[in-house]
C-alpha atoms as a PDB file:
ATOM      1  CA  MET A   1     120.091  65.954  89.570  1.00  0.00           C
ATOM      2  CA  PRO A   2     120.431  68.106  92.695  1.00  0.00           C
ATOM      3  CA  GLU A   3     120.141  66.923  95.891  1.00  0.00           C
ATOM      4  CA  LEU A   4     119.774  70.038  97.988  1.00  0.00           C
ATOM      5  CA  PHE A   5     117.826  71.960  95.433  1.00  0.00           C
ATOM      6  CA  VAL A   6     114.694  71.983  93.307  1.00  0.00           C
ATOM      7  CA  ASN A   7     113.654  74.233  90.404  1.00  0.00           C
ATOM      8  CA  GLU A   8     109.962  74.228  89.738  1.00  0.00           C
ATOM      9  CA  GLY A   9     110.111  76.799  87.117  1.00  0.00           C
ATOM     10  CA  PHE A  10     110.387  79.923  89.156  1.00  0.00           C
ATOM     11  CA  GLY A  11     114.170  79.474  90.099  1.00  0.00           C
ATOM     12  CA  TRP A  12     116.335  77.566  92.347  1.00  0.00           C
ATOM     13  CA  GLU A  13     115.050  76.918  96.107  1.00  0.00           C
ATOM     14  CA  CYS A  14     116.651  75.321  99.115  1.00  0.00           C
ATOM     15  CA  LEU A  15     114.604  72.339 100.255  1.00  0.00           C
ATOM     16  CA  ARG A  16     115.711  72.481 103.560  1.00  0.00           C
ATOM     17  CA  CYS A  17     115.084  76.417 103.916  1.00  0.00           C
ATOM     18  CA  ARG A  18     111.921  75.991 102.006  1.00  0.00           C
ATOM     19  CA  ALA A  19     110.698  73.197 104.697  1.00  0.00           C
ATOM     20  CA  SER A  20     111.854  75.328 107.814  1.00  0.00           C
ATOM     21  CA  GLU A  21     109.328  78.118 105.998  1.00  0.00           C
ATOM     22  CA  GLU A  22     106.632  76.128 105.192  1.00  0.00           C
ATOM     23  CA  LEU A  23     106.881  75.408 109.366  1.00  0.00           C
ATOM     24  CA  ASN A  24     107.013  79.040 109.988  1.00  0.00           C
ATOM     25  CA  ARG A  25     103.786  80.099 108.188  1.00  0.00           C
ATOM     26  CA  ALA A  26     101.900  77.113 109.608  1.00  0.00           C
ATOM     27  CA  SER A  27     102.771  78.112 112.922  1.00  0.00           C
ATOM     28  CA  GLU A  28     102.102  81.811 112.412  1.00  0.00           C
ATOM     29  CA  VAL A  29      98.653  81.567 113.486  1.00  0.00           C
ATOM     30  CA  GLY A  30      98.506  83.917 115.803  1.00  0.00           C
ATOM     31  CA  GLU A  31      99.258  86.483 113.898  1.00  0.00           C
ATOM     32  CA  PRO A  32      97.684  89.944 114.659  1.00  0.00           C
ATOM     33  CA  GLY A  33      94.225  90.972 113.394  1.00  0.00           C
ATOM     34  CA  ARG A  34      93.443  87.330 112.564  1.00  0.00           C
ATOM     35  CA  VAL A  35      90.209  86.670 112.936  1.00  0.00           C
ATOM     36  CA  SER A  36      88.756  83.526 114.207  1.00  0.00           C
ATOM     37  CA  GLU A  37      85.981  81.413 112.319  1.00  0.00           C
ATOM     38  CA  ASN A  38      83.792  81.056 115.607  1.00  0.00           C
ATOM     39  CA  SER A  39      83.697  85.207 115.893  1.00  0.00           C
ATOM     40  CA  GLU A  40      80.842  87.071 116.407  1.00  0.00           C
ATOM     41  CA  SER A  41      80.870  88.752 112.950  1.00  0.00           C
ATOM     42  CA  GLY A  42      79.057  85.976 111.693  1.00  0.00           C
ATOM     43  CA  SER A  43      81.568  86.420 108.279  1.00  0.00           C
ATOM     44  CA  GLY A  44      83.450  83.469 108.561  1.00  0.00           C
ATOM     45  CA  ALA A  45      86.259  85.404 107.873  1.00  0.00           C
ATOM     46  CA  THR A  46      90.195  84.606 108.333  1.00  0.00           C
ATOM     47  CA  THR A  47      92.029  87.367 107.646  1.00  0.00           C
ATOM     48  CA  LEU A  48      92.513  90.900 107.226  1.00  0.00           C
ATOM     49  CA  ALA A  49      91.287  92.208 104.045  1.00  0.00           C
ATOM     50  CA  ARG A  50      94.227  92.589 101.565  1.00  0.00           C
ATOM     51  CA  PHE A  51      93.679  96.166 101.492  1.00  0.00           C
ATOM     52  CA  PHE A  52      95.084  96.225 105.213  1.00  0.00           C
ATOM     53  CA  ARG A  53      97.567  93.805 104.412  1.00  0.00           C
ATOM     54  CA  GLU A  54      99.377  95.195 101.231  1.00  0.00           C
ATOM     55  CA  GLY A  55     100.589  98.673  99.935  1.00  0.00           C
ATOM     56  CA  GLU A  56     101.999 101.286 101.185  1.00  0.00           C
ATOM     57  CA  ALA A  57     100.558 100.091 105.039  1.00  0.00           C
ATOM     58  CA  GLU A  58     103.302  97.774 104.701  1.00  0.00           C
ATOM     59  CA  GLY A  59     106.407  99.708 105.061  1.00  0.00           C
ATOM     60  CA  GLY A  60     109.653  98.289 103.383  1.00  0.00           C
ATOM     61  CA  GLY A  61     110.796  97.328 100.280  1.00  0.00           C
ATOM     62  CA  PRO A  62     109.924  94.487  97.807  1.00  0.00           C
ATOM     63  CA  ARG A  63     111.006  91.003  98.906  1.00  0.00           C
ATOM     64  CA  LEU A  64     111.208  87.442  97.182  1.00  0.00           C
ATOM     65  CA  ALA A  65     107.545  85.290  97.439  1.00  0.00           C
ATOM     66  CA  SER A  66     110.245  82.570  99.270  1.00  0.00           C
ATOM     67  CA  ALA A  67     113.734  83.574 101.294  1.00  0.00           C
ATOM     68  CA  ALA A  68     114.660  79.765 100.535  1.00  0.00           C
ATOM     69  CA  ARG A  69     115.793  80.997  96.964  1.00  0.00           C
ATOM     70  CA  ALA A  70     119.333  80.116  95.676  1.00  0.00           C
ATOM     71  CA  ARG A  71     121.817  82.050  93.745  1.00  0.00           C
ATOM     72  CA  TRP A  72     124.520  80.638  91.398  1.00  0.00           C
ATOM     73  CA  LYS A  73     127.934  81.039  93.062  1.00  0.00           C
ATOM     74  CA  ASP A  74     130.036  82.395  90.203  1.00  0.00           C
ATOM     75  CA  GLU A  75     129.149  83.023  86.785  1.00  0.00           C
ATOM     76  CA  THR A  76     129.871  79.783  85.281  1.00  0.00           C
ATOM     77  CA  ARG A  77     126.638  78.927  86.613  1.00  0.00           C
ATOM     78  CA  ARG A  78     127.544  75.381  87.692  1.00  0.00           C
ATOM     79  CA  VAL A  79     127.160  75.593  91.509  1.00  0.00           C
ATOM     80  CA  LEU A  80     124.040  76.809  93.770  1.00  0.00           C
ATOM     81  CA  ARG A  81     124.744  78.683  97.032  1.00  0.00           C
ATOM     82  CA  CYS A  82     121.682  79.056  99.288  1.00  0.00           C
ATOM     83  CA  GLU A  83     122.072  82.728 101.099  1.00  0.00           C
ATOM     84  CA  ARG A  84     120.229  81.639 103.947  1.00  0.00           C
ATOM     85  CA  CYS A  85     121.859  78.746 105.148  1.00  0.00           C
ATOM     86  CA  GLY A  86     124.761  78.660 103.218  1.00  0.00           C
ATOM     87  CA  ALA A  87     124.229  75.425 101.224  1.00  0.00           C
ATOM     88  CA  GLU A  88     126.198  75.005  98.194  1.00  0.00           C
ATOM     89  CA  GLU A  89     125.813  71.881  95.406  1.00  0.00           C
ATOM     90  CA  ASN A  90     127.169  71.127  91.865  1.00  0.00           C
ATOM     91  CA  VAL A  91     124.559  71.473  89.456  1.00  0.00           C
END
């Protein structure tokens, strides 16, 4: 059983990079366009509508939902490698 990687049905993820991604998401409280719940609008909305956050206005190409995805190092599929931090482990 791998110690550095986990597969929850969506592909192999590096546990170290996944933890740092979760910390980054938690610290993104001051995002532009974010509205606080105590705003004068009274709607209680916490972010912009999805229409304004996604689509052509986003710019850039497609990307994975998680940057912590690992790849197989070679065609034998015995060694996983994280492209982000360089961690490797035999599976």
